Amino acid sequence: MRDPHIDGSWGHCPTALLGFWCPLCGSLRAVNDLTHLDLGAAASSNLLLVVALPVVLVLWVRRLVACWRGGPALAPVAVAPTVWWTLAVVVTAFTLARNVPGSWLAP
């Protein structure tokens, strides 16, 4: 069994090898910590993932309920441009904040 907390056990992220933490760096460790019900360690590995998972889960459940009630299963979901821009700003801010030297957001 591989432990994602051991450096190199699942390979190396190209951006981490360059010394840059991408927004997804630490996600595998965070998911592993969540499966062990360790929310603090998961947030320490990738706070963005821990915050995004409940939102994604709610959206997924809404879609399931809509399909269960007879709605089209593959209908495109309309997302306002402001949502996309907000998401882009949040991910960019998170990436910049975790790459500041000494940042507690770094995985």
PDB file of N, CA and C in Angstrom:
ATOM      1  N   MET A   1       0.849  -1.178   0.000  1.00  0.00           N
ATOM      2  CA  MET A   1       0.000   0.000   0.000  1.00  0.00           C
ATOM      3  C   MET A   1       0.896   1.243   0.000  1.00  0.00           C
ATOM      4  N   ARG A   2       0.583   2.165  -0.860  1.00  0.00           N
ATOM      5  CA  ARG A   2       1.374   3.399  -0.964  1.00  0.00           C
ATOM      6  C   ARG A   2       0.798   4.485  -0.069  1.00  0.00           C
ATOM      7  N   ASP A   3       1.690   5.174   0.579  1.00  0.00           N
ATOM      8  CA  ASP A   3       1.301   6.289   1.437  1.00  0.00           C
ATOM      9  C   ASP A   3       1.634   7.590   0.717  1.00  0.00           C
ATOM     10  N   PRO A   4       0.637   8.411   0.387  1.00  0.00           N
ATOM     11  CA  PRO A   4       0.923   9.653  -0.337  1.00  0.00           C
ATOM     12  C   PRO A   4       1.731  10.659   0.481  1.00  0.00           C
ATOM     13  N   HIS A   5       1.874  10.413   1.772  1.00  0.00           N
ATOM     14  CA  HIS A   5       2.674  11.317   2.604  1.00  0.00           C
ATOM     15  C   HIS A   5       4.172  11.042   2.488  1.00  0.00           C
ATOM     16  N   ILE A   6       4.537   9.931   1.864  1.00  0.00           N
ATOM     17  CA  ILE A   6       5.948   9.607   1.655  1.00  0.00           C
ATOM     18  C   ILE A   6       6.351  10.178   0.305  1.00  0.00           C
ATOM     19  N   ASP A   7       7.355  11.036   0.312  1.00  0.00           N
ATOM     20  CA  ASP A   7       7.791  11.723  -0.900  1.00  0.00           C
ATOM     21  C   ASP A   7       8.160  10.726  -2.002  1.00  0.00           C
ATOM     22  N   GLY A   8       7.544  10.866  -3.155  1.00  0.00           N
ATOM     23  CA  GLY A   8       7.846  10.039  -4.318  1.00  0.00           C
ATOM     24  C   GLY A   8       7.091   8.730  -4.394  1.00  0.00           C
ATOM     25  N   SER A   9       6.235   8.427  -3.418  1.00  0.00           N
ATOM     26  CA  SER A   9       5.529   7.142  -3.446  1.00  0.00           C
ATOM     27  C   SER A   9       4.549   7.045  -4.608  1.00  0.00           C
ATOM     28  N   TRP A  10       4.060   8.151  -5.087  1.00  0.00           N
ATOM     29  CA  TRP A  10       3.155   8.181  -6.238  1.00  0.00           C
ATOM     30  C   TRP A  10       3.781   8.946  -7.394  1.00  0.00           C
ATOM     31  N   GLY A  11       5.075   9.081  -7.386  1.00  0.00           N
ATOM     32  CA  GLY A  11       5.750   9.859  -8.421  1.00  0.00           C
ATOM     33  C   GLY A  11       5.929  11.291  -7.948  1.00  0.00           C
ATOM     34  N   HIS A  12       6.354  12.112  -8.860  1.00  0.00           N
ATOM     35  CA  HIS A  12       6.603  13.512  -8.512  1.00  0.00           C
ATOM     36  C   HIS A  12       5.810  14.428  -9.437  1.00  0.00           C
ATOM     37  N   CYS A  13       5.224  15.452  -8.857  1.00  0.00           N
ATOM     38  CA  CYS A  13       4.491  16.456  -9.622  1.00  0.00           C
ATOM     39  C   CYS A  13       5.503  17.333 -10.357  1.00  0.00           C
ATOM     40  N   PRO A  14       5.313  17.543 -11.651  1.00  0.00           N
ATOM     41  CA  PRO A  14       6.265  18.369 -12.401  1.00  0.00           C
ATOM     42  C   PRO A  14       6.401  19.786 -11.851  1.00  0.00           C
ATOM     43  N   THR A  15       5.305  20.381 -11.412  1.00  0.00           N
ATOM     44  CA  THR A  15       5.416  21.747 -10.896  1.00  0.00           C
ATOM     45  C   THR A  15       6.145  21.773  -9.559  1.00  0.00           C
ATOM     46  N   ALA A  16       5.953  20.747  -8.747  1.00  0.00           N
ATOM     47  CA  ALA A  16       6.655  20.690  -7.467  1.00  0.00           C
ATOM     48  C   ALA A  16       8.154  20.502  -7.680  1.00  0.00           C
ATOM     49  N   LEU A  17       8.515  19.739  -8.717  1.00  0.00           N
ATOM     50  CA  LEU A  17       9.939  19.570  -9.026  1.00  0.00           C
ATOM     51  C   LEU A  17      10.574  20.890  -9.446  1.00  0.00           C
ATOM     52  N   LEU A  18       9.762  21.788 -10.000  1.00  0.00           N
ATOM     53  CA  LEU A  18      10.256  23.106 -10.391  1.00  0.00           C
ATOM     54  C   LEU A  18      10.225  24.100  -9.232  1.00  0.00           C
ATOM     55  N   GLY A  19       9.706  23.647  -8.088  1.00  0.00           N
ATOM     56  CA  GLY A  19       9.649  24.527  -6.915  1.00  0.00           C
ATOM     57  C   GLY A  19       8.415  25.400  -6.874  1.00  0.00           C
ATOM     58  N   PHE A  20       7.365  25.010  -7.586  1.00  0.00           N
ATOM     59  CA  PHE A  20       6.133  25.780  -7.678  1.00  0.00           C
ATOM     60  C   PHE A  20       4.973  24.881  -7.271  1.00  0.00           C
ATOM     61  N   TRP A  21       4.166  25.319  -6.307  1.00  0.00           N
ATOM     62  CA  TRP A  21       3.011  24.534  -5.875  1.00  0.00           C
ATOM     63  C   TRP A  21       1.784  24.928  -6.696  1.00  0.00           C
ATOM     64  N   CYS A  22       1.273  24.015  -7.503  1.00  0.00           N
ATOM     65  CA  CYS A  22       0.064  24.287  -8.281  1.00  0.00           C
ATOM     66  C   CYS A  22      -1.153  24.183  -7.357  1.00  0.00           C
ATOM     67  N   PRO A  23      -2.344  24.571  -7.814  1.00  0.00           N
ATOM     68  CA  PRO A  23      -3.519  24.504  -6.942  1.00  0.00           C
ATOM     69  C   PRO A  23      -3.901  23.072  -6.561  1.00  0.00           C
ATOM     70  N   LEU A  24      -3.432  22.091  -7.311  1.00  0.00           N
ATOM     71  CA  LEU A  24      -3.791  20.700  -7.019  1.00  0.00           C
ATOM     72  C   LEU A  24      -2.744  19.970  -6.190  1.00  0.00           C
ATOM     73  N   CYS A  25      -1.570  20.568  -5.996  1.00  0.00           N
ATOM     74  CA  CYS A  25      -0.525  19.915  -5.203  1.00  0.00           C
ATOM     75  C   CYS A  25      -1.050  19.626  -3.797  1.00  0.00           C
ATOM     76  N   GLY A  26      -0.864  18.409  -3.342  1.00  0.00           N
ATOM     77  CA  GLY A  26      -1.338  17.995  -2.022  1.00  0.00           C
ATOM     78  C   GLY A  26      -2.737  17.408  -2.039  1.00  0.00           C
ATOM     79  N   SER A  27      -3.373  17.370  -3.208  1.00  0.00           N
ATOM     80  CA  SER A  27      -4.746  16.846  -3.273  1.00  0.00           C
ATOM     81  C   SER A  27      -4.825  15.365  -2.943  1.00  0.00           C
ATOM     82  N   LEU A  28      -3.866  14.582  -3.412  1.00  0.00           N
ATOM     83  CA  LEU A  28      -3.871  13.153  -3.113  1.00  0.00           C
ATOM     84  C   LEU A  28      -3.711  12.917  -1.612  1.00  0.00           C
ATOM     85  N   ARG A  29      -2.824  13.680  -0.989  1.00  0.00           N
ATOM     86  CA  ARG A  29      -2.671  13.569   0.466  1.00  0.00           C
ATOM     87  C   ARG A  29      -3.955  14.003   1.178  1.00  0.00           C
ATOM     88  N   ALA A  30      -4.594  15.067   0.670  1.00  0.00           N
ATOM     89  CA  ALA A  30      -5.835  15.553   1.296  1.00  0.00           C
ATOM     90  C   ALA A  30      -6.948  14.520   1.196  1.00  0.00           C
ATOM     91  N   VAL A  31      -7.086  13.889   0.039  1.00  0.00           N
ATOM     92  CA  VAL A  31      -8.122  12.856  -0.118  1.00  0.00           C
ATOM     93  C   VAL A  31      -7.826  11.676   0.802  1.00  0.00           C
ATOM     94  N   ASN A  32      -6.550  11.291   0.896  1.00  0.00           N
ATOM     95  CA  ASN A  32      -6.167  10.206   1.794  1.00  0.00           C
ATOM     96  C   ASN A  32      -6.505  10.565   3.238  1.00  0.00           C
ATOM     97  N   ASP A  33      -6.221  11.796   3.628  1.00  0.00           N
ATOM     98  CA  ASP A  33      -6.538  12.224   4.993  1.00  0.00           C
ATOM     99  C   ASP A  33      -8.048  12.265   5.227  1.00  0.00           C
ATOM    100  N   LEU A  34      -8.813  12.669   4.224  1.00  0.00           N
ATOM    101  CA  LEU A  34     -10.274  12.692   4.374  1.00  0.00           C
ATOM    102  C   LEU A  34     -10.842  11.286   4.512  1.00  0.00           C
ATOM    103  N   THR A  35     -10.249  10.318   3.811  1.00  0.00           N
ATOM    104  CA  THR A  35     -10.726   8.935   3.953  1.00  0.00           C
ATOM    105  C   THR A  35     -10.414   8.383   5.343  1.00  0.00           C
ATOM    106  N   HIS A  36      -9.453   8.987   6.024  1.00  0.00           N
ATOM    107  CA  HIS A  36      -9.145   8.608   7.396  1.00  0.00           C
ATOM    108  C   HIS A  36      -9.798   9.563   8.402  1.00  0.00           C
ATOM    109  N   LEU A  37     -10.708  10.405   7.904  1.00  0.00           N
ATOM    110  CA  LEU A  37     -11.480  11.352   8.718  1.00  0.00           C
ATOM    111  C   LEU A  37     -10.601  12.332   9.481  1.00  0.00           C
ATOM    112  N   ASP A  38      -9.475  12.716   8.888  1.00  0.00           N
ATOM    113  CA  ASP A  38      -8.575  13.682   9.503  1.00  0.00           C
ATOM    114  C   ASP A  38      -8.688  15.011   8.737  1.00  0.00           C
ATOM    115  N   LEU A  39      -9.694  15.791   9.101  1.00  0.00           N
ATOM    116  CA  LEU A  39      -9.997  17.030   8.383  1.00  0.00           C
ATOM    117  C   LEU A  39      -8.872  18.051   8.516  1.00  0.00           C
ATOM    118  N   GLY A  40      -8.251  18.128   9.667  1.00  0.00           N
ATOM    119  CA  GLY A  40      -7.158  19.085   9.874  1.00  0.00           C
ATOM    120  C   GLY A  40      -5.970  18.800   8.973  1.00  0.00           C
ATOM    121  N   ALA A  41      -5.580  17.528   8.879  1.00  0.00           N
ATOM    122  CA  ALA A  41      -4.457  17.160   8.011  1.00  0.00           C
ATOM    123  C   ALA A  41      -4.824  17.372   6.548  1.00  0.00           C
ATOM    124  N   ALA A  42      -6.072  17.096   6.187  1.00  0.00           N
ATOM    125  CA  ALA A  42      -6.513  17.298   4.803  1.00  0.00           C
ATOM    126  C   ALA A  42      -6.456  18.780   4.448  1.00  0.00           C
ATOM    127  N   ALA A  43      -6.923  19.629   5.344  1.00  0.00           N
ATOM    128  CA  ALA A  43      -6.878  21.074   5.098  1.00  0.00           C
ATOM    129  C   ALA A  43      -5.442  21.565   5.027  1.00  0.00           C
ATOM    130  N   SER A  44      -4.564  20.949   5.784  1.00  0.00           N
ATOM    131  CA  SER A  44      -3.155  21.318   5.740  1.00  0.00           C
ATOM    132  C   SER A  44      -2.509  20.924   4.411  1.00  0.00           C
ATOM    133  N   SER A  45      -2.982  19.837   3.811  1.00  0.00           N
ATOM    134  CA  SER A  45      -2.425  19.380   2.536  1.00  0.00           C
ATOM    135  C   SER A  45      -2.938  20.206   1.366  1.00  0.00           C
ATOM    136  N   ASN A  46      -4.250  20.465   1.320  1.00  0.00           N
ATOM    137  CA  ASN A  46      -4.812  21.275   0.243  1.00  0.00           C
ATOM    138  C   ASN A  46      -6.147  21.851   0.699  1.00  0.00           C
ATOM    139  N   LEU A  47      -6.099  23.063   1.208  1.00  0.00           N
ATOM    140  CA  LEU A  47      -7.294  23.723   1.742  1.00  0.00           C
ATOM    141  C   LEU A  47      -8.343  23.957   0.658  1.00  0.00           C
ATOM    142  N   LEU A  48      -7.907  24.288  -0.540  1.00  0.00           N
ATOM    143  CA  LEU A  48      -8.852  24.545  -1.632  1.00  0.00           C
ATOM    144  C   LEU A  48      -9.695  23.314  -1.931  1.00  0.00           C
ATOM    145  N   LEU A  49      -9.085  22.141  -1.951  1.00  0.00           N
ATOM    146  CA  LEU A  49      -9.828  20.905  -2.204  1.00  0.00           C
ATOM    147  C   LEU A  49     -10.833  20.641  -1.093  1.00  0.00           C
ATOM    148  N   VAL A  50     -10.417  20.830   0.146  1.00  0.00           N
ATOM    149  CA  VAL A  50     -11.301  20.564   1.278  1.00  0.00           C
ATOM    150  C   VAL A  50     -12.515  21.502   1.255  1.00  0.00           C
ATOM    151  N   VAL A  51     -12.309  22.742   0.846  1.00  0.00           N
ATOM    152  CA  VAL A  51     -13.420  23.701   0.758  1.00  0.00           C
ATOM    153  C   VAL A  51     -14.293  23.404  -0.458  1.00  0.00           C
ATOM    154  N   ALA A  52     -13.690  22.966  -1.559  1.00  0.00           N
ATOM    155  CA  ALA A  52     -14.435  22.736  -2.800  1.00  0.00           C
ATOM    156  C   ALA A  52     -15.258  21.451  -2.769  1.00  0.00           C
ATOM    157  N   LEU A  53     -14.807  20.433  -2.047  1.00  0.00           N
ATOM    158  CA  LEU A  53     -15.514  19.153  -2.061  1.00  0.00           C
ATOM    159  C   LEU A  53     -16.976  19.239  -1.628  1.00  0.00           C
ATOM    160  N   PRO A  54     -17.312  19.929  -0.536  1.00  0.00           N
ATOM    161  CA  PRO A  54     -18.734  20.025  -0.183  1.00  0.00           C
ATOM    162  C   PRO A  54     -19.561  20.749  -1.252  1.00  0.00           C
ATOM    163  N   VAL A  55     -18.981  21.748  -1.900  1.00  0.00           N
ATOM    164  CA  VAL A  55     -19.694  22.468  -2.956  1.00  0.00           C
ATOM    165  C   VAL A  55     -19.965  21.532  -4.132  1.00  0.00           C
ATOM    166  N   VAL A  56     -18.960  20.787  -4.533  1.00  0.00           N
ATOM    167  CA  VAL A  56     -19.116  19.837  -5.640  1.00  0.00           C
ATOM    168  C   VAL A  56     -20.139  18.765  -5.270  1.00  0.00           C
ATOM    169  N   LEU A  57     -20.094  18.298  -4.036  1.00  0.00           N
ATOM    170  CA  LEU A  57     -21.046  17.285  -3.580  1.00  0.00           C
ATOM    171  C   LEU A  57     -22.481  17.804  -3.633  1.00  0.00           C
ATOM    172  N   VAL A  58     -22.701  19.032  -3.189  1.00  0.00           N
ATOM    173  CA  VAL A  58     -24.045  19.620  -3.226  1.00  0.00           C
ATOM    174  C   VAL A  58     -24.533  19.752  -4.673  1.00  0.00           C
ATOM    175  N   LEU A  59     -23.671  20.227  -5.561  1.00  0.00           N
ATOM    176  CA  LEU A  59     -24.056  20.360  -6.971  1.00  0.00           C
ATOM    177  C   LEU A  59     -24.372  19.005  -7.591  1.00  0.00           C
ATOM    178  N   TRP A  60     -23.604  17.989  -7.234  1.00  0.00           N
ATOM    179  CA  TRP A  60     -23.829  16.643  -7.755  1.00  0.00           C
ATOM    180  C   TRP A  60     -25.164  16.083  -7.260  1.00  0.00           C
ATOM    181  N   VAL A  61     -25.457  16.274  -5.966  1.00  0.00           N
ATOM    182  CA  VAL A  61     -26.722  15.789  -5.403  1.00  0.00           C
ATOM    183  C   VAL A  61     -27.896  16.522  -6.045  1.00  0.00           C
ATOM    184  N   ARG A  62     -27.755  17.828  -6.270  1.00  0.00           N
ATOM    185  CA  ARG A  62     -28.823  18.569  -6.955  1.00  0.00           C
ATOM    186  C   ARG A  62     -29.098  17.990  -8.334  1.00  0.00           C
ATOM    187  N   ARG A  63     -28.034  17.652  -9.055  1.00  0.00           N
ATOM    188  CA  ARG A  63     -28.178  17.078 -10.392  1.00  0.00           C
ATOM    189  C   ARG A  63     -28.850  15.702 -10.327  1.00  0.00           C
ATOM    190  N   LEU A  64     -28.456  14.894  -9.340  1.00  0.00           N
ATOM    191  CA  LEU A  64     -29.082  13.579  -9.180  1.00  0.00           C
ATOM    192  C   LEU A  64     -30.572  13.700  -8.889  1.00  0.00           C
ATOM    193  N   VAL A  65     -30.929  14.631  -8.013  1.00  0.00           N
ATOM    194  CA  VAL A  65     -32.343  14.837  -7.670  1.00  0.00           C
ATOM    195  C   VAL A  65     -33.115  15.309  -8.898  1.00  0.00           C
ATOM    196  N   ALA A  66     -32.547  16.207  -9.683  1.00  0.00           N
ATOM    197  CA  ALA A  66     -33.214  16.691 -10.891  1.00  0.00           C
ATOM    198  C   ALA A  66     -33.431  15.553 -11.885  1.00  0.00           C
ATOM    199  N   CYS A  67     -32.444  14.686 -12.034  1.00  0.00           N
ATOM    200  CA  CYS A  67     -32.594  13.538 -12.944  1.00  0.00           C
ATOM    201  C   CYS A  67     -33.607  12.546 -12.405  1.00  0.00           C
ATOM    202  N   TRP A  68     -33.610  12.353 -11.094  1.00  0.00           N
ATOM    203  CA  TRP A  68     -34.535  11.413 -10.475  1.00  0.00           C
ATOM    204  C   TRP A  68     -35.980  11.877 -10.654  1.00  0.00           C
ATOM    205  N   ARG A  69     -36.179  13.185 -10.704  1.00  0.00           N
ATOM    206  CA  ARG A  69     -37.514  13.745 -10.888  1.00  0.00           C
ATOM    207  C   ARG A  69     -37.927  13.803 -12.356  1.00  0.00           C
ATOM    208  N   GLY A  70     -37.096  13.254 -13.232  1.00  0.00           N
ATOM    209  CA  GLY A  70     -37.465  13.181 -14.642  1.00  0.00           C
ATOM    210  C   GLY A  70     -36.791  14.195 -15.531  1.00  0.00           C
ATOM    211  N   GLY A  71     -35.861  14.941 -15.002  1.00  0.00           N
ATOM    212  CA  GLY A  71     -35.139  15.911 -15.818  1.00  0.00           C
ATOM    213  C   GLY A  71     -34.136  15.215 -16.734  1.00  0.00           C
ATOM    214  N   PRO A  72     -33.672  15.899 -17.753  1.00  0.00           N
ATOM    215  CA  PRO A  72     -32.702  15.296 -18.672  1.00  0.00           C
ATOM    216  C   PRO A  72     -31.346  15.083 -17.984  1.00  0.00           C
ATOM    217  N   ALA A  73     -30.810  13.885 -18.125  1.00  0.00           N
ATOM    218  CA  ALA A  73     -29.572  13.529 -17.430  1.00  0.00           C
ATOM    219  C   ALA A  73     -28.353  14.235 -18.007  1.00  0.00           C
ATOM    220  N   LEU A  74     -28.347  14.478 -19.303  1.00  0.00           N
ATOM    221  CA  LEU A  74     -27.164  15.052 -19.934  1.00  0.00           C
ATOM    222  C   LEU A  74     -27.374  16.483 -20.410  1.00  0.00           C
ATOM    223  N   ALA A  75     -28.372  17.146 -19.861  1.00  0.00           N
ATOM    224  CA  ALA A  75     -28.604  18.540 -20.240  1.00  0.00           C
ATOM    225  C   ALA A  75     -27.432  19.397 -19.771  1.00  0.00           C
ATOM    226  N   PRO A  76     -26.985  20.311 -20.611  1.00  0.00           N
ATOM    227  CA  PRO A  76     -25.860  21.159 -20.187  1.00  0.00           C
ATOM    228  C   PRO A  76     -26.267  22.052 -19.018  1.00  0.00           C
ATOM    229  N   VAL A  77     -25.313  22.266 -18.152  1.00  0.00           N
ATOM    230  CA  VAL A  77     -25.543  23.123 -16.994  1.00  0.00           C
ATOM    231  C   VAL A  77     -25.075  24.526 -17.355  1.00  0.00           C
ATOM    232  N   ALA A  78     -25.969  25.477 -17.257  1.00  0.00           N
ATOM    233  CA  ALA A  78     -25.626  26.861 -17.565  1.00  0.00           C
ATOM    234  C   ALA A  78     -24.979  27.500 -16.332  1.00  0.00           C
ATOM    235  N   VAL A  79     -23.779  27.998 -16.525  1.00  0.00           N
ATOM    236  CA  VAL A  79     -23.060  28.651 -15.437  1.00  0.00           C
ATOM    237  C   VAL A  79     -22.783  30.088 -15.868  1.00  0.00           C
ATOM    238  N   ALA A  80     -23.133  31.020 -15.014  1.00  0.00           N
ATOM    239  CA  ALA A  80     -22.943  32.435 -15.327  1.00  0.00           C
ATOM    240  C   ALA A  80     -21.452  32.754 -15.451  1.00  0.00           C
ATOM    241  N   PRO A  81     -21.096  33.651 -16.349  1.00  0.00           N
ATOM    242  CA  PRO A  81     -19.684  34.033 -16.496  1.00  0.00           C
ATOM    243  C   PRO A  81     -19.065  34.565 -15.210  1.00  0.00           C
ATOM    244  N   THR A  82     -19.863  35.209 -14.373  1.00  0.00           N
ATOM    245  CA  THR A  82     -19.312  35.721 -13.108  1.00  0.00           C
ATOM    246  C   THR A  82     -18.831  34.585 -12.209  1.00  0.00           C
ATOM    247  N   VAL A  83     -19.496  33.446 -12.280  1.00  0.00           N
ATOM    248  CA  VAL A  83     -19.065  32.287 -11.491  1.00  0.00           C
ATOM    249  C   VAL A  83     -17.697  31.809 -11.973  1.00  0.00           C
ATOM    250  N   TRP A  84     -17.521  31.736 -13.293  1.00  0.00           N
ATOM    251  CA  TRP A  84     -16.233  31.300 -13.848  1.00  0.00           C
ATOM    252  C   TRP A  84     -15.122  32.282 -13.475  1.00  0.00           C
ATOM    253  N   TRP A  85     -15.408  33.579 -13.566  1.00  0.00           N
ATOM    254  CA  TRP A  85     -14.403  34.581 -13.216  1.00  0.00           C
ATOM    255  C   TRP A  85     -14.059  34.527 -11.728  1.00  0.00           C
ATOM    256  N   THR A  86     -15.056  34.340 -10.903  1.00  0.00           N
ATOM    257  CA  THR A  86     -14.818  34.226  -9.465  1.00  0.00           C
ATOM    258  C   THR A  86     -13.971  32.999  -9.159  1.00  0.00           C
ATOM    259  N   LEU A  87     -14.276  31.884  -9.796  1.00  0.00           N
ATOM    260  CA  LEU A  87     -13.493  30.667  -9.614  1.00  0.00           C
ATOM    261  C   LEU A  87     -12.043  30.882 -10.049  1.00  0.00           C
ATOM    262  N   ALA A  88     -11.851  31.553 -11.175  1.00  0.00           N
ATOM    263  CA  ALA A  88     -10.498  31.825 -11.661  1.00  0.00           C
ATOM    264  C   ALA A  88      -9.726  32.707 -10.687  1.00  0.00           C
ATOM    265  N   VAL A  89     -10.380  33.707 -10.134  1.00  0.00           N
ATOM    266  CA  VAL A  89      -9.721  34.610  -9.169  1.00  0.00           C
ATOM    267  C   VAL A  89      -9.362  33.859  -7.890  1.00  0.00           C
ATOM    268  N   VAL A  90     -10.276  33.029  -7.392  1.00  0.00           N
ATOM    269  CA  VAL A  90     -10.020  32.272  -6.159  1.00  0.00           C
ATOM    270  C   VAL A  90      -8.855  31.298  -6.351  1.00  0.00           C
ATOM    271  N   VAL A  91      -8.852  30.558  -7.458  1.00  0.00           N
ATOM    272  CA  VAL A  91      -7.770  29.599  -7.717  1.00  0.00           C
ATOM    273  C   VAL A  91      -6.438  30.325  -7.898  1.00  0.00           C
ATOM    274  N   THR A  92      -6.452  31.439  -8.601  1.00  0.00           N
ATOM    275  CA  THR A  92      -5.219  32.211  -8.787  1.00  0.00           C
ATOM    276  C   THR A  92      -4.712  32.765  -7.457  1.00  0.00           C
ATOM    277  N   ALA A  93      -5.605  33.307  -6.649  1.00  0.00           N
ATOM    278  CA  ALA A  93      -5.205  33.842  -5.341  1.00  0.00           C
ATOM    279  C   ALA A  93      -4.661  32.735  -4.444  1.00  0.00           C
ATOM    280  N   PHE A  94      -5.307  31.575  -4.471  1.00  0.00           N
ATOM    281  CA  PHE A  94      -4.838  30.438  -3.678  1.00  0.00           C
ATOM    282  C   PHE A  94      -3.446  29.999  -4.132  1.00  0.00           C
ATOM    283  N   THR A  95      -3.247  29.934  -5.443  1.00  0.00           N
ATOM    284  CA  THR A  95      -1.948  29.525  -5.981  1.00  0.00           C
ATOM    285  C   THR A  95      -0.862  30.518  -5.589  1.00  0.00           C
ATOM    286  N   LEU A  96      -1.146  31.791  -5.709  1.00  0.00           N
ATOM    287  CA  LEU A  96      -0.164  32.806  -5.335  1.00  0.00           C
ATOM    288  C   LEU A  96       0.120  32.768  -3.831  1.00  0.00           C
ATOM    289  N   ALA A  97      -0.922  32.626  -3.031  1.00  0.00           N
ATOM    290  CA  ALA A  97      -0.750  32.622  -1.574  1.00  0.00           C
ATOM    291  C   ALA A  97       0.045  31.410  -1.100  1.00  0.00           C
ATOM    292  N   ARG A  98      -0.138  30.266  -1.726  1.00  0.00           N
ATOM    293  CA  ARG A  98       0.588  29.080  -1.269  1.00  0.00           C
ATOM    294  C   ARG A  98       2.031  29.063  -1.743  1.00  0.00           C
ATOM    295  N   ASN A  99       2.382  29.934  -2.696  1.00  0.00           N
ATOM    296  CA  ASN A  99       3.751  29.997  -3.187  1.00  0.00           C
ATOM    297  C   ASN A  99       4.573  31.120  -2.559  1.00  0.00           C
ATOM    298  N   VAL A 100       3.980  31.872  -1.640  1.00  0.00           N
ATOM    299  CA  VAL A 100       4.725  32.879  -0.881  1.00  0.00           C
ATOM    300  C   VAL A 100       5.641  32.119   0.084  1.00  0.00           C
ATOM    301  N   PRO A 101       6.925  32.479   0.131  1.00  0.00           N
ATOM    302  CA  PRO A 101       7.835  31.763   1.037  1.00  0.00           C
ATOM    303  C   PRO A 101       7.326  31.764   2.487  1.00  0.00           C
ATOM    304  N   GLY A 102       7.300  30.578   3.084  1.00  0.00           N
ATOM    305  CA  GLY A 102       6.844  30.417   4.458  1.00  0.00           C
ATOM    306  C   GLY A 102       5.345  30.345   4.629  1.00  0.00           C
ATOM    307  N   SER A 103       4.602  30.258   3.525  1.00  0.00           N
ATOM    308  CA  SER A 103       3.146  30.228   3.592  1.00  0.00           C
ATOM    309  C   SER A 103       2.648  28.936   4.257  1.00  0.00           C
ATOM    310  N   TRP A 104       1.644  29.055   5.097  1.00  0.00           N
ATOM    311  CA  TRP A 104       1.058  27.883   5.742  1.00  0.00           C
ATOM    312  C   TRP A 104       0.165  27.104   4.772  1.00  0.00           C
ATOM    313  N   LEU A 105      -0.109  27.672   3.588  1.00  0.00           N
ATOM    314  CA  LEU A 105      -0.927  26.983   2.581  1.00  0.00           C
ATOM    315  C   LEU A 105      -0.128  26.005   1.735  1.00  0.00           C
ATOM    316  N   ALA A 106       1.193  26.065   1.805  1.00  0.00           N
ATOM    317  CA  ALA A 106       2.025  25.145   1.016  1.00  0.00           C
ATOM    318  C   ALA A 106       1.822  23.725   1.550  1.00  0.00           C
ATOM    319  N   PRO A 107       1.732  22.750   0.636  1.00  0.00           N
ATOM    320  CA  PRO A 107       1.507  21.370   1.102  1.00  0.00           C
ATOM    321  C   PRO A 107       2.709  20.777   1.823  1.00  0.00           C
TER     322      PRO A 107
END
